[in-house]
Amino acid sequence: MANTLRNALILGATLSAISSATWAHQSGTVIGRAGPVLVEPQEESSNVRITNPALGEVSGAKVGVDPNAQLGLTATYMFTDHIGLGLLAATPFEHDIYATDAIAGVGKLGSTKHLPPTLSVEFYLNDPDSDIQPYFGVGLNYTIFFSEKTTDTLTGAVGVLASIADTPVAGVEATSSKLELDDSIGASLTFGIDYAINENWGINAAMWWIDIETEATITAETNAGTVTAKADVEIDPFAYMVGVSYRF
């Protein structure tokens, strides 16, 4: 699906050879867009560190995040003929969280859902009545994580992590675990193109880069008491969307 959405962006860039002279990005216009949006994390993770008790880092114990696609919705209000304020929203994304690096063979550790509302100032490059309207934008994202879950695999791995931490402790066995992810505020960049089909309807292709950073906290109940571990994760995804647009 990632290739399909990328190809759609490339196709949109070639539509400048076609013209129907019916669309206008004028001051006061509202443009709504809808279509599938794919979020592809470009994550980097710190080593997992056990903070309670203070056992230190577990070298090579890192995490990754799977991509996910949902329904994307955007709305732009044109303040002038060339500047608009755009909002990106979507149905909740759900991502699997898995072990990477030295513990890559462990498998799925958990999952989370998130909502990534993003507000952008958008700059439209062509004349307002152009049928081909490329644009770019800069903005602010607020990502809300919720419905975090852990797997039995993660619960079972707590004792192993404790045994190979900087200050190792053997014999730890966990009976349950939970996961919490901090919400994130970060910058965003967007690039897109609108192509007019008629006076109201059009085709849109767009992509975003979003700065998302979170701290993951794992809390496990064990035979040695409560164990807490943390990891810092830079998710920094690219998001790709292709769909239809409607000018109000």
C-alpha atoms as a PDB file:
ATOM      1  CA  MET A   1       0.000   0.000   0.000  1.00  0.00           C
ATOM      2  CA  ALA A   2       2.918   2.322   0.685  1.00  0.00           C
ATOM      3  CA  ASN A   3       4.042   2.008  -2.945  1.00  0.00           C
ATOM      4  CA  THR A   4       0.502   2.690  -4.175  1.00  0.00           C
ATOM      5  CA  LEU A   5       0.236   5.923  -2.217  1.00  0.00           C
ATOM      6  CA  ARG A   6       3.709   7.043  -3.256  1.00  0.00           C
ATOM      7  CA  ASN A   7       2.836   6.354  -6.899  1.00  0.00           C
ATOM      8  CA  ALA A   8      -0.316   8.409  -6.487  1.00  0.00           C
ATOM      9  CA  LEU A   9       1.779  11.349  -5.325  1.00  0.00           C
ATOM     10  CA  ILE A  10       3.975  11.013  -8.402  1.00  0.00           C
ATOM     11  CA  LEU A  11       0.904  10.755 -10.639  1.00  0.00           C
ATOM     12  CA  GLY A  12      -0.518  13.879  -9.094  1.00  0.00           C
ATOM     13  CA  ALA A  13       2.641  15.779  -9.942  1.00  0.00           C
ATOM     14  CA  THR A  14       2.220  14.911 -13.645  1.00  0.00           C
ATOM     15  CA  LEU A  15      -1.354  16.169 -13.913  1.00  0.00           C
ATOM     16  CA  SER A  16      -0.124  19.669 -14.779  1.00  0.00           C
ATOM     17  CA  ALA A  17      -0.346  18.620 -18.424  1.00  0.00           C
ATOM     18  CA  ILE A  18      -4.155  18.457 -18.133  1.00  0.00           C
ATOM     19  CA  SER A  19      -6.392  21.493 -17.608  1.00  0.00           C
ATOM     20  CA  SER A  20     -10.112  22.031 -17.127  1.00  0.00           C
ATOM     21  CA  ALA A  21     -10.127  25.640 -15.796  1.00  0.00           C
ATOM     22  CA  THR A  22     -12.921  25.092 -13.282  1.00  0.00           C
ATOM     23  CA  TRP A  23     -11.336  25.132  -9.821  1.00  0.00           C
ATOM     24  CA  ALA A  24     -10.519  28.129  -7.640  1.00  0.00           C
ATOM     25  CA  HIS A  25      -8.541  28.323  -4.374  1.00  0.00           C
ATOM     26  CA  GLN A  26      -9.952  31.717  -3.438  1.00  0.00           C
ATOM     27  CA  SER A  27     -10.040  33.564  -0.150  1.00  0.00           C
ATOM     28  CA  GLY A  28     -12.929  32.245   1.959  1.00  0.00           C
ATOM     29  CA  THR A  29     -13.009  28.836   0.269  1.00  0.00           C
ATOM     30  CA  VAL A  30     -13.207  25.666   2.392  1.00  0.00           C
ATOM     31  CA  ILE A  31     -11.693  22.508   0.896  1.00  0.00           C
ATOM     32  CA  GLY A  32     -12.479  19.095   2.381  1.00  0.00           C
ATOM     33  CA  ARG A  33     -10.496  15.985   1.472  1.00  0.00           C
ATOM     34  CA  ALA A  34     -10.905  12.300   2.333  1.00  0.00           C
ATOM     35  CA  GLY A  35      -9.061   9.106   1.486  1.00  0.00           C
ATOM     36  CA  PRO A  36      -6.848   6.334   2.850  1.00  0.00           C
ATOM     37  CA  VAL A  37      -3.820   7.557   4.776  1.00  0.00           C
ATOM     38  CA  LEU A  38      -0.817   5.368   5.536  1.00  0.00           C
ATOM     39  CA  VAL A  39       1.436   6.129   8.501  1.00  0.00           C
ATOM     40  CA  GLU A  40       4.956   4.703   8.131  1.00  0.00           C
ATOM     41  CA  PRO A  41       7.049   5.151  11.293  1.00  0.00           C
ATOM     42  CA  GLN A  42      10.758   5.904  10.842  1.00  0.00           C
ATOM     43  CA  GLU A  43      11.410   5.016  14.440  1.00  0.00           C
ATOM     44  CA  GLU A  44      14.556   5.121  16.527  1.00  0.00           C
ATOM     45  CA  SER A  45      14.541   3.694  20.027  1.00  0.00           C
ATOM     46  CA  SER A  46      16.790   4.015  23.028  1.00  0.00           C
ATOM     47  CA  ASN A  47      17.790   0.926  24.929  1.00  0.00           C
ATOM     48  CA  VAL A  48      15.198  -0.226  27.433  1.00  0.00           C
ATOM     49  CA  ARG A  49      16.253   0.886  30.906  1.00  0.00           C
ATOM     50  CA  ILE A  50      14.979  -0.595  34.146  1.00  0.00           C
ATOM     51  CA  THR A  51      14.315   2.274  36.538  1.00  0.00           C
ATOM     52  CA  ASN A  52      12.631   0.476  39.443  1.00  0.00           C
ATOM     53  CA  PRO A  53      14.659  -1.126  40.839  1.00  0.00           C
ATOM     54  CA  ALA A  54      17.524   0.905  39.326  1.00  0.00           C
ATOM     55  CA  LEU A  55      19.133  -1.859  37.268  1.00  0.00           C
ATOM     56  CA  GLY A  56      20.162   0.421  34.384  1.00  0.00           C
ATOM     57  CA  GLU A  57      20.072  -0.120  30.633  1.00  0.00           C
ATOM     58  CA  VAL A  58      19.597  -3.394  28.818  1.00  0.00           C
ATOM     59  CA  SER A  59      22.087  -3.153  25.963  1.00  0.00           C
ATOM     60  CA  GLY A  60      20.524  -3.848  22.558  1.00  0.00           C
ATOM     61  CA  ALA A  61      16.965  -4.053  23.897  1.00  0.00           C
ATOM     62  CA  LYS A  62      15.050  -1.708  21.587  1.00  0.00           C
ATOM     63  CA  VAL A  63      11.560  -1.454  20.129  1.00  0.00           C
ATOM     64  CA  GLY A  64      10.003  -0.795  16.727  1.00  0.00           C
ATOM     65  CA  VAL A  65       6.566   0.258  15.476  1.00  0.00           C
ATOM     66  CA  ASP A  66       4.598  -1.228  12.553  1.00  0.00           C
ATOM     67  CA  PRO A  67       2.854   0.930   9.891  1.00  0.00           C
ATOM     68  CA  ASN A  68      -0.925   1.252   9.721  1.00  0.00           C
ATOM     69  CA  ALA A  69      -3.510   2.704   7.313  1.00  0.00           C
ATOM     70  CA  GLN A  70      -6.802   4.390   8.194  1.00  0.00           C
ATOM     71  CA  LEU A  71      -9.316   6.848   6.753  1.00  0.00           C
ATOM     72  CA  GLY A  72      -7.785  10.307   6.559  1.00  0.00           C
ATOM     73  CA  LEU A  73      -9.754  13.550   6.621  1.00  0.00           C
ATOM     74  CA  THR A  74      -8.428  17.047   5.999  1.00  0.00           C
ATOM     75  CA  ALA A  75     -10.046  20.460   5.849  1.00  0.00           C
ATOM     76  CA  THR A  76      -8.475  23.718   4.677  1.00  0.00           C
ATOM     77  CA  TYR A  77      -9.820  27.237   5.061  1.00  0.00           C
ATOM     78  CA  MET A  78      -8.298  29.720   2.601  1.00  0.00           C
ATOM     79  CA  PHE A  79      -7.494  32.996   4.382  1.00  0.00           C
ATOM     80  CA  THR A  80      -6.145  34.459   1.143  1.00  0.00           C
ATOM     81  CA  ASP A  81      -5.864  33.205  -2.429  1.00  0.00           C
ATOM     82  CA  HIS A  82      -2.531  31.575  -1.548  1.00  0.00           C
ATOM     83  CA  ILE A  83      -2.539  30.874   2.212  1.00  0.00           C
ATOM     84  CA  GLY A  84      -4.775  28.448   4.061  1.00  0.00           C
ATOM     85  CA  LEU A  85      -5.089  26.804   7.466  1.00  0.00           C
ATOM     86  CA  GLY A  86      -5.335  23.022   7.220  1.00  0.00           C
ATOM     87  CA  LEU A  87      -6.314  20.350   9.740  1.00  0.00           C
ATOM     88  CA  LEU A  88      -5.392  16.675   9.365  1.00  0.00           C
ATOM     89  CA  ALA A  89      -7.498  14.115  11.227  1.00  0.00           C
ATOM     90  CA  ALA A  90      -8.090  10.371  10.868  1.00  0.00           C
ATOM     91  CA  THR A  91      -9.807   7.370  12.342  1.00  0.00           C
ATOM     92  CA  PRO A  92      -7.626   5.909  15.129  1.00  0.00           C
ATOM     93  CA  PHE A  93      -4.405   4.277  13.985  1.00  0.00           C
ATOM     94  CA  GLU A  94      -3.385   0.987  15.610  1.00  0.00           C
ATOM     95  CA  HIS A  95       0.267  -0.040  15.675  1.00  0.00           C
ATOM     96  CA  ASP A  96       1.970  -3.218  16.819  1.00  0.00           C
ATOM     97  CA  ILE A  97       5.088  -2.677  18.924  1.00  0.00           C
ATOM     98  CA  TYR A  98       7.828  -5.248  18.478  1.00  0.00           C
ATOM     99  CA  ALA A  99      11.322  -6.055  19.730  1.00  0.00           C
ATOM    100  CA  THR A 100      14.309  -4.997  17.615  1.00  0.00           C
ATOM    101  CA  ASP A 101      18.095  -4.972  17.602  1.00  0.00           C
ATOM    102  CA  ALA A 102      19.614  -7.590  19.934  1.00  0.00           C
ATOM    103  CA  ILE A 103      16.163  -8.841  21.029  1.00  0.00           C
ATOM    104  CA  ALA A 104      14.582  -8.842  17.555  1.00  0.00           C
ATOM    105  CA  GLY A 105      13.617 -12.499  17.821  1.00  0.00           C
ATOM    106  CA  VAL A 106      11.353 -11.902  20.817  1.00  0.00           C
ATOM    107  CA  GLY A 107       8.467 -10.753  18.596  1.00  0.00           C
ATOM    108  CA  LYS A 108       5.420  -8.612  19.355  1.00  0.00           C
ATOM    109  CA  LEU A 109       5.535  -6.807  22.689  1.00  0.00           C
ATOM    110  CA  GLY A 110       2.307  -4.853  22.580  1.00  0.00           C
ATOM    111  CA  SER A 111       0.122  -2.460  20.643  1.00  0.00           C
ATOM    112  CA  THR A 112      -1.265   1.042  20.858  1.00  0.00           C
ATOM    113  CA  LYS A 113      -3.819   3.265  19.192  1.00  0.00           C
ATOM    114  CA  HIS A 114      -3.253   6.924  18.453  1.00  0.00           C
ATOM    115  CA  LEU A 115      -4.870  10.021  16.993  1.00  0.00           C
ATOM    116  CA  PRO A 116      -2.560  12.538  15.291  1.00  0.00           C
ATOM    117  CA  PRO A 117      -4.444  15.848  14.777  1.00  0.00           C
ATOM    118  CA  THR A 118      -2.151  18.203  12.867  1.00  0.00           C
ATOM    119  CA  LEU A 119      -2.735  21.897  12.196  1.00  0.00           C
ATOM    120  CA  SER A 120      -0.756  23.465   9.340  1.00  0.00           C
ATOM    121  CA  VAL A 121      -0.344  26.803   7.610  1.00  0.00           C
ATOM    122  CA  GLU A 122      -0.439  25.921   3.899  1.00  0.00           C
ATOM    123  CA  PHE A 123       1.007  27.906   0.997  1.00  0.00           C
ATOM    124  CA  TYR A 124      -0.557  27.406  -2.456  1.00  0.00           C
ATOM    125  CA  LEU A 125       1.818  28.144  -5.305  1.00  0.00           C
ATOM    126  CA  ASN A 126      -0.265  28.629  -8.467  1.00  0.00           C
ATOM    127  CA  ASP A 127      -2.881  31.191  -9.459  1.00  0.00           C
ATOM    128  CA  PRO A 128      -6.172  30.729  -7.547  1.00  0.00           C
ATOM    129  CA  ASP A 129      -8.048  29.567 -10.670  1.00  0.00           C
ATOM    130  CA  SER A 130      -5.418  27.012 -11.684  1.00  0.00           C
ATOM    131  CA  ASP A 131      -6.662  23.428 -11.975  1.00  0.00           C
ATOM    132  CA  ILE A 132      -3.304  22.158 -10.726  1.00  0.00           C
ATOM    133  CA  GLN A 133      -2.499  23.510  -7.290  1.00  0.00           C
ATOM    134  CA  PRO A 134       0.679  22.317  -5.551  1.00  0.00           C
ATOM    135  CA  TYR A 135       1.155  23.391  -1.953  1.00  0.00           C
ATOM    136  CA  PHE A 136       3.353  22.970   1.073  1.00  0.00           C
ATOM    137  CA  GLY A 137       2.827  23.650   4.738  1.00  0.00           C
ATOM    138  CA  VAL A 138       4.372  23.795   8.185  1.00  0.00           C
ATOM    139  CA  GLY A 139       2.482  23.029  11.333  1.00  0.00           C
ATOM    140  CA  LEU A 140       2.067  21.518  14.760  1.00  0.00           C
ATOM    141  CA  ASN A 141       1.051  17.982  15.660  1.00  0.00           C
ATOM    142  CA  TYR A 142      -0.436  16.654  18.879  1.00  0.00           C
ATOM    143  CA  THR A 143      -0.436  12.852  19.055  1.00  0.00           C
ATOM    144  CA  ILE A 144      -2.677  11.161  21.602  1.00  0.00           C
ATOM    145  CA  PHE A 145      -1.842   7.553  22.528  1.00  0.00           C
ATOM    146  CA  PHE A 146      -4.494   5.321  24.073  1.00  0.00           C
ATOM    147  CA  SER A 147      -5.603   1.679  24.436  1.00  0.00           C
ATOM    148  CA  GLU A 148      -2.050   0.501  25.055  1.00  0.00           C
ATOM    149  CA  LYS A 149      -1.775  -3.262  25.501  1.00  0.00           C
ATOM    150  CA  THR A 150       1.011  -5.702  26.275  1.00  0.00           C
ATOM    151  CA  THR A 151       1.467  -9.318  25.221  1.00  0.00           C
ATOM    152  CA  ASP A 152       2.327 -12.401  27.233  1.00  0.00           C
ATOM    153  CA  THR A 153       5.642 -12.271  25.386  1.00  0.00           C
ATOM    154  CA  LEU A 154       6.481  -8.945  27.002  1.00  0.00           C
ATOM    155  CA  THR A 155       5.386 -10.145  30.428  1.00  0.00           C
ATOM    156  CA  GLY A 156       7.581 -13.203  30.067  1.00  0.00           C
ATOM    157  CA  ALA A 157      10.553 -11.138  28.882  1.00  0.00           C
ATOM    158  CA  VAL A 158      10.701  -8.930  31.984  1.00  0.00           C
ATOM    159  CA  GLY A 159      12.761 -11.470  33.908  1.00  0.00           C
ATOM    160  CA  VAL A 160      15.168 -11.888  30.999  1.00  0.00           C
ATOM    161  CA  LEU A 161      15.659  -8.118  30.728  1.00  0.00           C
ATOM    162  CA  ALA A 162      16.362  -7.901  34.462  1.00  0.00           C
ATOM    163  CA  SER A 163      18.962 -10.658  34.175  1.00  0.00           C
ATOM    164  CA  ILE A 164      20.964  -8.869  31.434  1.00  0.00           C
ATOM    165  CA  ALA A 165      20.680  -5.245  32.611  1.00  0.00           C
ATOM    166  CA  ASP A 166      23.729  -3.208  33.633  1.00  0.00           C
ATOM    167  CA  THR A 167      23.135  -4.383  37.207  1.00  0.00           C
ATOM    168  CA  PRO A 168      21.660  -7.834  36.591  1.00  0.00           C
ATOM    169  CA  VAL A 169      19.241  -9.600  38.902  1.00  0.00           C
ATOM    170  CA  ALA A 170      18.366 -13.249  38.352  1.00  0.00           C
ATOM    171  CA  GLY A 171      15.176 -15.097  39.179  1.00  0.00           C
ATOM    172  CA  VAL A 172      12.669 -12.334  38.419  1.00  0.00           C
ATOM    173  CA  GLU A 173       9.337 -13.662  37.120  1.00  0.00           C
ATOM    174  CA  ALA A 174       6.515 -11.356  36.037  1.00  0.00           C
ATOM    175  CA  THR A 175       2.839 -12.250  36.328  1.00  0.00           C
ATOM    176  CA  SER A 176       1.376  -9.209  34.560  1.00  0.00           C
ATOM    177  CA  SER A 177       2.438  -6.082  32.703  1.00  0.00           C
ATOM    178  CA  LYS A 178       1.011  -2.844  31.358  1.00  0.00           C
ATOM    179  CA  LEU A 179       2.215  -0.193  28.921  1.00  0.00           C
ATOM    180  CA  GLU A 180       1.803   3.578  28.901  1.00  0.00           C
ATOM    181  CA  LEU A 181       2.925   5.980  26.153  1.00  0.00           C
ATOM    182  CA  ASP A 182       3.281   9.714  26.724  1.00  0.00           C
ATOM    183  CA  ASP A 183       1.414  12.020  24.350  1.00  0.00           C
ATOM    184  CA  SER A 184       3.565  14.028  21.946  1.00  0.00           C
ATOM    185  CA  ILE A 185       3.713  17.572  20.584  1.00  0.00           C
ATOM    186  CA  GLY A 186       5.937  18.234  17.578  1.00  0.00           C
ATOM    187  CA  ALA A 187       6.444  20.018  14.287  1.00  0.00           C
ATOM    188  CA  SER A 188       5.110  18.830  10.932  1.00  0.00           C
ATOM    189  CA  LEU A 189       5.770  19.417   7.241  1.00  0.00           C
ATOM    190  CA  THR A 190       3.307  18.746   4.438  1.00  0.00           C
ATOM    191  CA  PHE A 191       3.470  18.651   0.648  1.00  0.00           C
ATOM    192  CA  GLY A 192       0.491  18.082  -1.617  1.00  0.00           C
ATOM    193  CA  ILE A 193      -1.263  18.739  -4.880  1.00  0.00           C
ATOM    194  CA  ASP A 194      -4.902  19.348  -5.805  1.00  0.00           C
ATOM    195  CA  TYR A 195      -6.262  18.587  -9.269  1.00  0.00           C
ATOM    196  CA  ALA A 196      -9.695  19.899 -10.274  1.00  0.00           C
ATOM    197  CA  ILE A 197     -12.181  17.536 -11.934  1.00  0.00           C
ATOM    198  CA  ASN A 198     -15.007  20.090 -12.071  1.00  0.00           C
ATOM    199  CA  GLU A 199     -16.156  23.186 -10.202  1.00  0.00           C
ATOM    200  CA  ASN A 200     -16.417  21.411  -6.837  1.00  0.00           C
ATOM    201  CA  TRP A 201     -14.775  17.997  -7.028  1.00  0.00           C
ATOM    202  CA  GLY A 202     -11.112  17.188  -7.311  1.00  0.00           C
ATOM    203  CA  ILE A 203      -8.345  14.698  -6.611  1.00  0.00           C
ATOM    204  CA  ASN A 204      -5.747  15.217  -3.916  1.00  0.00           C
ATOM    205  CA  ALA A 205      -2.451  13.573  -3.045  1.00  0.00           C
ATOM    206  CA  ALA A 206      -0.441  14.632  -0.013  1.00  0.00           C
ATOM    207  CA  MET A 207       2.311  13.574   2.335  1.00  0.00           C
ATOM    208  CA  TRP A 208       3.377  14.671   5.807  1.00  0.00           C
ATOM    209  CA  TRP A 209       6.438  14.298   7.961  1.00  0.00           C
ATOM    210  CA  ILE A 210       5.543  14.485  11.642  1.00  0.00           C
ATOM    211  CA  ASP A 211       7.855  14.802  14.638  1.00  0.00           C
ATOM    212  CA  ILE A 212       6.497  12.336  17.216  1.00  0.00           C
ATOM    213  CA  GLU A 213       8.506  11.425  20.304  1.00  0.00           C
ATOM    214  CA  THR A 214       7.231   9.428  23.242  1.00  0.00           C
ATOM    215  CA  GLU A 215       8.452   7.752  26.397  1.00  0.00           C
ATOM    216  CA  ALA A 216       7.180   4.212  26.817  1.00  0.00           C
ATOM    217  CA  THR A 217       6.742   2.982  30.386  1.00  0.00           C
ATOM    218  CA  ILE A 218       6.353  -0.711  31.159  1.00  0.00           C
ATOM    219  CA  THR A 219       5.133  -1.664  34.619  1.00  0.00           C
ATOM    220  CA  ALA A 220       5.267  -5.319  35.613  1.00  0.00           C
ATOM    221  CA  GLU A 221       4.175  -7.131  38.751  1.00  0.00           C
ATOM    222  CA  THR A 222       6.780  -9.752  39.652  1.00  0.00           C
ATOM    223  CA  ASN A 223       7.833 -12.092  42.441  1.00  0.00           C
ATOM    224  CA  ALA A 224      10.351  -9.383  43.406  1.00  0.00           C
ATOM    225  CA  GLY A 225       7.784  -6.581  43.511  1.00  0.00           C
ATOM    226  CA  THR A 226       6.869  -3.953  40.936  1.00  0.00           C
ATOM    227  CA  VAL A 227       9.401  -3.527  38.126  1.00  0.00           C
ATOM    228  CA  THR A 228       9.344  -0.424  35.930  1.00  0.00           C
ATOM    229  CA  ALA A 229      11.166  -0.072  32.620  1.00  0.00           C
ATOM    230  CA  LYS A 230      11.274   2.822  30.165  1.00  0.00           C
ATOM    231  CA  ALA A 231      12.349   3.509  26.588  1.00  0.00           C
ATOM    232  CA  ASP A 232      12.450   6.714  24.535  1.00  0.00           C
ATOM    233  CA  VAL A 233      11.072   6.278  21.021  1.00  0.00           C
ATOM    234  CA  GLU A 234      11.289   8.752  18.141  1.00  0.00           C
ATOM    235  CA  ILE A 235       8.523   7.615  15.785  1.00  0.00           C
ATOM    236  CA  ASP A 236       8.826  10.482  13.247  1.00  0.00           C
ATOM    237  CA  PRO A 237       6.510   8.958  10.614  1.00  0.00           C
ATOM    238  CA  PHE A 238       5.823   9.818   7.023  1.00  0.00           C
ATOM    239  CA  ALA A 239       2.111   9.830   6.205  1.00  0.00           C
ATOM    240  CA  TYR A 240       0.806   9.368   2.654  1.00  0.00           C
ATOM    241  CA  MET A 241      -2.751  10.138   1.580  1.00  0.00           C
ATOM    242  CA  VAL A 242      -4.582  10.051  -1.749  1.00  0.00           C
ATOM    243  CA  GLY A 243      -8.269  10.763  -2.117  1.00  0.00           C
ATOM    244  CA  VAL A 244     -11.033  13.034  -3.298  1.00  0.00           C
ATOM    245  CA  SER A 245     -11.524  16.693  -2.476  1.00  0.00           C
ATOM    246  CA  TYR A 246     -14.578  18.925  -2.412  1.00  0.00           C
ATOM    247  CA  ARG A 247     -14.605  22.713  -2.536  1.00  0.00           C
ATOM    248  CA  PHE A 248     -17.365  24.427  -0.537  1.00  0.00           C
END
